[in-house]
N, C-alpha and C. Protein backbone atom coordinates (compact mmCIF):
# COMPACT_ATOMS: atom_id res chain seq x y z
N MET A 1 53.15 5.21 -52.18
CA MET A 1 52.06 6.10 -51.88
C MET A 1 52.28 6.65 -50.48
N GLN A 2 52.13 7.94 -50.32
CA GLN A 2 52.24 8.56 -49.01
C GLN A 2 50.84 9.01 -48.58
N LEU A 3 50.34 8.41 -47.52
CA LEU A 3 49.01 8.74 -47.03
C LEU A 3 49.06 9.94 -46.11
N ALA A 4 47.96 10.67 -46.04
CA ALA A 4 47.89 11.86 -45.19
C ALA A 4 47.88 11.50 -43.71
N LYS A 5 47.32 10.35 -43.37
CA LYS A 5 47.30 9.92 -41.97
C LYS A 5 47.29 8.40 -41.92
N ASN A 6 47.63 7.84 -40.76
CA ASN A 6 47.78 6.39 -40.64
C ASN A 6 46.50 5.70 -40.16
N VAL A 7 45.37 6.30 -40.39
CA VAL A 7 44.07 5.73 -40.05
C VAL A 7 43.17 5.85 -41.27
N ILE A 8 42.00 5.23 -41.21
CA ILE A 8 41.08 5.27 -42.34
C ILE A 8 39.74 5.85 -41.88
N ASP A 9 39.12 6.62 -42.75
CA ASP A 9 37.79 7.16 -42.49
C ASP A 9 36.79 6.35 -43.30
N ILE A 10 35.61 6.12 -42.71
CA ILE A 10 34.55 5.36 -43.35
C ILE A 10 33.34 6.29 -43.50
N GLY A 11 32.79 6.37 -44.70
CA GLY A 11 31.61 7.18 -44.95
C GLY A 11 30.43 6.31 -45.35
N LEU A 12 29.30 6.51 -44.69
CA LEU A 12 28.08 5.76 -44.97
C LEU A 12 26.95 6.75 -45.23
N SER A 13 26.02 6.39 -46.11
CA SER A 13 24.87 7.26 -46.40
C SER A 13 23.58 6.55 -46.02
N THR A 14 22.63 7.33 -45.48
CA THR A 14 21.37 6.75 -45.03
C THR A 14 20.24 7.78 -45.09
N ASN A 15 19.01 7.26 -45.22
CA ASN A 15 17.81 8.05 -45.01
C ASN A 15 17.18 7.71 -43.66
N ASN A 16 17.70 6.67 -43.01
CA ASN A 16 17.14 6.15 -41.77
C ASN A 16 18.18 6.34 -40.66
N LEU A 17 18.26 7.55 -40.13
CA LEU A 17 19.35 7.94 -39.24
C LEU A 17 19.33 7.26 -37.88
N GLU A 18 18.19 7.20 -37.22
CA GLU A 18 18.15 6.73 -35.83
C GLU A 18 18.75 5.33 -35.62
N PRO A 19 18.40 4.32 -36.45
CA PRO A 19 19.03 3.01 -36.25
C PRO A 19 20.55 3.03 -36.48
N MET A 20 21.00 3.87 -37.42
CA MET A 20 22.45 3.98 -37.67
C MET A 20 23.15 4.59 -36.47
N LEU A 21 22.59 5.66 -35.91
CA LEU A 21 23.20 6.28 -34.72
C LEU A 21 23.21 5.30 -33.56
N ARG A 22 22.11 4.59 -33.36
CA ARG A 22 22.03 3.62 -32.26
C ARG A 22 23.10 2.53 -32.43
N PHE A 23 23.25 2.01 -33.64
CA PHE A 23 24.25 0.95 -33.86
C PHE A 23 25.66 1.46 -33.56
N TRP A 24 26.05 2.57 -34.19
CA TRP A 24 27.43 3.02 -34.05
C TRP A 24 27.74 3.55 -32.65
N GLN A 25 26.79 4.24 -32.02
CA GLN A 25 27.05 4.82 -30.70
C GLN A 25 26.87 3.82 -29.57
N GLN A 26 25.85 2.98 -29.64
CA GLN A 26 25.57 2.06 -28.54
C GLN A 26 26.18 0.68 -28.78
N ASP A 27 25.84 0.04 -29.89
CA ASP A 27 26.32 -1.33 -30.15
C ASP A 27 27.83 -1.36 -30.39
N ALA A 28 28.31 -0.52 -31.30
CA ALA A 28 29.74 -0.51 -31.63
C ALA A 28 30.55 0.32 -30.63
N GLY A 29 29.90 1.19 -29.87
CA GLY A 29 30.57 1.96 -28.84
C GLY A 29 31.49 3.06 -29.36
N ILE A 30 31.16 3.65 -30.51
CA ILE A 30 31.98 4.70 -31.09
C ILE A 30 31.45 6.05 -30.59
N ARG A 31 32.37 6.91 -30.17
CA ARG A 31 32.00 8.20 -29.58
C ARG A 31 31.58 9.22 -30.64
N SER A 32 30.41 9.81 -30.43
CA SER A 32 29.94 10.88 -31.31
C SER A 32 30.84 12.10 -31.10
N ASP A 33 31.27 12.72 -32.20
CA ASP A 33 32.14 13.88 -32.12
C ASP A 33 31.35 15.17 -32.38
N HIS A 34 30.77 15.29 -33.56
CA HIS A 34 29.95 16.46 -33.85
C HIS A 34 29.15 16.22 -35.13
N VAL A 35 28.18 17.12 -35.36
CA VAL A 35 27.36 17.09 -36.56
C VAL A 35 27.82 18.24 -37.45
N GLN A 36 28.03 17.93 -38.70
CA GLN A 36 28.51 18.94 -39.65
C GLN A 36 27.52 19.07 -40.79
N PRO A 37 26.96 20.27 -40.99
CA PRO A 37 26.09 20.47 -42.16
C PRO A 37 26.94 20.36 -43.43
N ILE A 38 26.45 19.61 -44.40
CA ILE A 38 27.18 19.44 -45.66
C ILE A 38 26.55 20.32 -46.74
N ARG A 39 25.28 20.19 -46.93
CA ARG A 39 24.52 21.01 -47.88
C ARG A 39 23.05 20.91 -47.46
N ARG A 40 22.21 21.66 -48.11
CA ARG A 40 20.78 21.60 -47.78
C ARG A 40 20.28 20.17 -47.94
N GLY A 41 19.68 19.64 -46.89
CA GLY A 41 19.16 18.28 -46.94
C GLY A 41 20.17 17.20 -46.60
N GLN A 42 21.36 17.58 -46.16
CA GLN A 42 22.37 16.57 -45.78
C GLN A 42 23.20 17.07 -44.60
N LYS A 43 23.28 16.22 -43.58
CA LYS A 43 24.15 16.47 -42.43
C LYS A 43 25.04 15.25 -42.24
N GLN A 44 26.24 15.50 -41.75
CA GLN A 44 27.18 14.41 -41.50
C GLN A 44 27.39 14.29 -39.99
N TYR A 45 27.08 13.11 -39.46
CA TYR A 45 27.26 12.81 -38.05
C TYR A 45 28.60 12.10 -37.92
N ARG A 46 29.58 12.81 -37.33
CA ARG A 46 30.95 12.33 -37.28
C ARG A 46 31.23 11.65 -35.94
N HIS A 47 31.89 10.51 -36.00
CA HIS A 47 32.21 9.71 -34.82
C HIS A 47 33.70 9.42 -34.79
N ASP A 48 34.32 9.63 -33.63
CA ASP A 48 35.76 9.43 -33.47
C ASP A 48 36.05 7.99 -33.08
N ALA A 49 36.85 7.33 -33.89
CA ALA A 49 37.26 5.94 -33.61
C ALA A 49 38.79 5.92 -33.48
N HIS A 50 39.29 6.57 -32.43
CA HIS A 50 40.73 6.64 -32.16
C HIS A 50 41.51 7.19 -33.34
N GLY A 51 41.03 8.30 -33.90
CA GLY A 51 41.71 8.94 -35.02
C GLY A 51 41.03 8.69 -36.35
N SER A 52 40.43 7.53 -36.52
CA SER A 52 39.60 7.29 -37.70
C SER A 52 38.28 8.01 -37.49
N VAL A 53 37.59 8.29 -38.57
CA VAL A 53 36.29 8.95 -38.46
C VAL A 53 35.24 8.08 -39.15
N ILE A 54 34.17 7.76 -38.43
CA ILE A 54 33.01 7.10 -39.01
C ILE A 54 32.03 8.23 -39.33
N LYS A 55 31.74 8.42 -40.62
CA LYS A 55 30.91 9.53 -41.07
C LYS A 55 29.56 8.98 -41.52
N LEU A 56 28.51 9.33 -40.77
CA LEU A 56 27.15 8.94 -41.15
C LEU A 56 26.51 10.11 -41.87
N ASN A 57 26.34 9.98 -43.17
CA ASN A 57 25.75 11.04 -43.98
C ASN A 57 24.25 10.82 -44.06
N HIS A 58 23.49 11.72 -43.40
CA HIS A 58 22.04 11.61 -43.40
C HIS A 58 21.48 12.51 -44.50
N HIS A 59 20.71 11.91 -45.39
CA HIS A 59 20.10 12.61 -46.52
C HIS A 59 18.59 12.70 -46.31
N VAL A 60 18.03 13.87 -46.50
CA VAL A 60 16.58 14.05 -46.42
C VAL A 60 15.91 13.42 -47.64
N GLU A 61 16.47 13.66 -48.82
CA GLU A 61 15.93 13.10 -50.07
C GLU A 61 16.25 11.61 -50.14
N PRO A 62 15.35 10.80 -50.72
CA PRO A 62 15.62 9.37 -50.84
C PRO A 62 16.92 9.10 -51.61
N LEU A 63 17.66 8.13 -51.14
CA LEU A 63 18.88 7.72 -51.84
C LEU A 63 18.50 6.87 -53.05
N PRO A 64 19.24 6.97 -54.12
CA PRO A 64 18.93 6.14 -55.29
C PRO A 64 19.20 4.66 -55.00
N ASP A 65 18.45 3.80 -55.65
CA ASP A 65 18.71 2.36 -55.51
C ASP A 65 20.09 2.06 -56.09
N ALA A 66 20.84 1.26 -55.37
CA ALA A 66 22.18 0.90 -55.84
C ALA A 66 22.51 -0.49 -55.31
N ALA A 67 23.33 -1.18 -56.07
CA ALA A 67 23.78 -2.51 -55.63
C ALA A 67 24.67 -2.35 -54.40
N PRO A 68 24.67 -3.35 -53.51
CA PRO A 68 25.57 -3.27 -52.35
C PRO A 68 27.02 -3.11 -52.81
N SER A 69 27.74 -2.27 -52.09
CA SER A 69 29.15 -2.05 -52.42
C SER A 69 29.88 -1.62 -51.16
N GLY A 70 31.19 -1.55 -51.25
CA GLY A 70 31.98 -1.07 -50.11
C GLY A 70 32.64 -2.20 -49.35
N TYR A 71 32.85 -1.97 -48.08
CA TYR A 71 33.54 -2.93 -47.22
C TYR A 71 32.63 -4.08 -46.84
N ARG A 72 33.20 -5.28 -46.77
CA ARG A 72 32.45 -6.45 -46.33
C ARG A 72 32.58 -6.65 -44.83
N GLU A 73 33.68 -6.14 -44.25
CA GLU A 73 33.93 -6.36 -42.82
C GLU A 73 34.78 -5.22 -42.29
N LEU A 74 34.53 -4.83 -41.05
CA LEU A 74 35.30 -3.80 -40.39
C LEU A 74 35.58 -4.28 -38.97
N LEU A 75 36.84 -4.32 -38.60
CA LEU A 75 37.23 -4.71 -37.24
C LEU A 75 37.59 -3.45 -36.47
N ILE A 76 36.96 -3.28 -35.31
CA ILE A 76 37.22 -2.12 -34.46
C ILE A 76 37.68 -2.65 -33.10
N ALA A 77 38.88 -2.30 -32.71
CA ALA A 77 39.40 -2.70 -31.40
C ALA A 77 39.07 -1.61 -30.40
N ARG A 78 38.67 -2.02 -29.19
CA ARG A 78 38.42 -1.03 -28.15
C ARG A 78 38.61 -1.67 -26.78
N ASP A 79 38.93 -0.84 -25.81
CA ASP A 79 39.12 -1.31 -24.44
C ASP A 79 37.85 -1.97 -23.93
N GLY A 80 38.04 -3.03 -23.17
CA GLY A 80 36.91 -3.71 -22.55
C GLY A 80 36.28 -4.80 -23.40
N VAL A 81 36.74 -4.97 -24.62
CA VAL A 81 36.21 -6.03 -25.49
C VAL A 81 37.37 -6.98 -25.76
N GLY A 82 37.27 -8.21 -25.22
CA GLY A 82 38.38 -9.15 -25.29
C GLY A 82 38.35 -10.09 -26.47
N ALA A 83 37.20 -10.22 -27.11
CA ALA A 83 37.08 -11.17 -28.22
C ALA A 83 36.20 -10.53 -29.31
N PRO A 84 36.42 -10.93 -30.56
CA PRO A 84 35.59 -10.39 -31.64
C PRO A 84 34.11 -10.71 -31.44
N ARG A 85 33.27 -9.76 -31.83
CA ARG A 85 31.82 -9.95 -31.83
C ARG A 85 31.32 -9.60 -33.21
N ARG A 86 30.55 -10.47 -33.81
CA ARG A 86 29.95 -10.17 -35.12
C ARG A 86 28.70 -9.34 -34.91
N MET A 87 28.64 -8.22 -35.62
CA MET A 87 27.47 -7.36 -35.57
C MET A 87 27.13 -6.95 -36.99
N VAL A 88 25.85 -6.79 -37.24
CA VAL A 88 25.40 -6.37 -38.57
C VAL A 88 24.56 -5.13 -38.42
């Protein structure tokens, strides 16, 4: 398999934007890049993680109930952090 790039992008969906922005920008320390309109009622808040993109998809309409899925753990290395920290 030949991948387009050597990093991975993560996409998350939410109706509760403010806590998500606070976590990724302040707690995880990921730099906000820009906001991209996707369609009416949805904007994508893109964050640069050294080439990877953390995409927070904010939906105005309620998201359907769904069983938990996706990644169980994500490790992000960054300057100034010498040891792993568990965050939820």
